[in-house]
Protein backbone atom coordinates (compact mmCIF):
# COMPACT_ATOMS: atom_id res chain seq x y z
CA MET A 1 108.30 96.89 -3.19
CA ARG A 2 105.70 94.16 -2.79
CA LEU A 3 104.73 92.67 0.56
CA LEU A 4 103.92 88.95 0.49
CA PRO A 5 100.82 87.69 2.41
CA HIS A 6 101.28 87.44 6.18
CA PRO A 7 98.90 86.71 9.06
CA ALA A 8 97.70 89.73 11.01
CA THR A 9 99.22 90.03 14.48
CA ASP A 10 95.99 88.87 16.15
CA ASP A 11 95.85 85.84 13.85
CA ILE A 12 99.30 84.50 14.77
CA GLN A 13 98.76 81.16 16.52
CA LEU A 14 101.12 79.81 19.18
CA THR A 15 100.89 76.27 17.81
CA GLU A 16 101.99 77.45 14.34
CA VAL A 17 104.87 79.52 15.75
CA LEU A 18 106.12 76.58 17.81
CA ARG A 19 105.69 74.17 14.89
CA ALA A 20 107.73 76.47 12.65
CA LEU A 21 110.44 76.81 15.31
CA SER A 22 110.62 73.06 15.89
CA ASP A 23 112.71 72.54 12.74
CA PRO A 24 116.47 73.11 13.24
CA ILE A 25 116.88 74.82 9.85
CA ARG A 26 114.05 77.28 10.52
CA LEU A 27 115.35 77.89 14.02
CA GLU A 28 118.76 78.72 12.54
CA ILE A 29 117.17 81.16 10.07
CA VAL A 30 115.32 82.90 12.91
CA ALA A 31 118.53 83.07 14.96
CA ARG A 32 120.37 84.64 12.01
CA LEU A 33 117.63 87.21 11.52
CA ALA A 34 117.68 88.02 15.23
CA THR A 35 121.44 88.51 15.14
CA TYR A 36 121.91 90.32 11.83
CA GLY A 37 118.53 91.92 11.13
CA GLU A 38 116.87 92.08 7.73
CA MET A 39 118.57 90.11 4.99
CA THR A 40 117.84 88.62 1.60
CA CYS A 41 116.61 85.06 1.46
CA THR A 42 119.81 84.14 -0.37
CA VAL A 43 122.02 85.45 2.44
CA ALA A 44 119.78 83.97 5.16
CA GLY A 45 120.06 80.57 3.50
CA ASP A 46 123.83 80.61 3.00
CA SER A 47 125.56 77.54 4.41
CA LEU A 48 122.35 75.88 5.65
CA GLY A 49 123.13 72.82 3.55
CA VAL A 50 119.72 72.62 1.87
CA HIS A 51 118.57 73.01 -1.72
CA LYS A 52 117.06 76.32 -2.81
CA SER A 53 113.58 74.78 -3.06
CA THR A 54 113.86 73.40 0.48
CA ALA A 55 115.02 76.78 1.77
CA SER A 56 112.03 78.41 0.03
CA HIS A 57 109.72 75.98 1.82
CA HIS A 58 111.27 76.95 5.18
CA TYR A 59 110.91 80.68 4.40
CA ARG A 60 107.25 80.22 3.47
CA THR A 61 106.59 78.23 6.65
CA LEU A 62 108.15 80.98 8.78
CA ARG A 63 106.15 83.66 6.95
CA GLU A 64 102.83 81.82 7.19
CA ALA A 65 103.39 81.15 10.89
CA GLY A 66 103.87 84.88 11.46
CA LEU A 67 107.53 84.77 12.46
CA VAL A 68 108.98 86.73 9.56
CA LEU A 69 107.99 89.58 7.29
CA THR A 70 108.93 88.99 3.66
CA LYS A 71 108.95 91.70 1.03
CA GLN A 72 109.98 91.47 -2.58
CA GLU A 73 111.98 94.10 -4.42
CA GLY A 74 112.56 93.10 -8.01
CA ARG A 75 113.97 89.57 -7.97
CA LEU A 76 115.18 89.80 -4.37
CA LYS A 77 113.15 88.85 -1.32
CA TYR A 78 114.02 90.39 2.04
CA MET A 79 113.13 88.82 5.38
CA SER A 80 113.01 90.30 8.85
CA LEU A 81 111.72 89.03 12.17
CA ARG A 82 108.30 90.21 13.29
CA ARG A 83 109.76 90.77 16.74
CA ASP A 84 107.29 93.48 17.82
CA ASP A 85 104.26 91.48 16.62
CA LEU A 86 105.47 88.32 18.34
CA GLU A 87 106.25 90.20 21.54
CA ALA A 88 102.76 91.76 21.52
CA ARG A 89 101.12 88.38 20.93
CA PHE A 90 103.35 86.13 23.09
CA PRO A 91 105.50 88.24 25.44
CA GLY A 92 108.97 86.81 26.01
CA LEU A 93 108.52 83.78 23.74
CA LEU A 94 110.97 84.73 20.99
CA ASP A 95 113.67 85.87 23.42
CA SER A 96 113.28 82.65 25.43
CA VAL A 97 113.61 80.51 22.32
CA LEU A 98 116.63 82.46 21.08
CA LEU A 99 118.30 82.30 24.49
CA ALA A 100 117.79 78.54 24.66
CA THR A 101 119.17 78.24 21.12
CA SER A 102 122.33 80.20 21.91
CA VAL A 103 122.88 78.25 25.12
CA GLY A 104 122.63 75.08 23.07
CA GLY A 105 125.39 76.39 20.83
CA HIS A 106 123.32 76.58 17.63
CA ALA A 107 123.24 80.34 17.12
């Protein structure tokens, strides 16, 4: 299993996290990961209504911002939320965003 490059916990920047979460597609991906846990990129992107290349761009943006951990096993890539890292860096942020998302009816 190969781990793709990710920022260290201390290098995760609030501006990059918020920028990544400002897109409705990426917010939906994060909400799915929060609800269902680790999943393949294919499953996470099901029914998002975007092309595979666009979904890949969203996954990379989330990974580079420090929101998700992506590992590759053969041809499959698995994503999971970096919940503990985000909580250590910005306590309560992820839960607040997810709560606001579910109240808005998007999750």
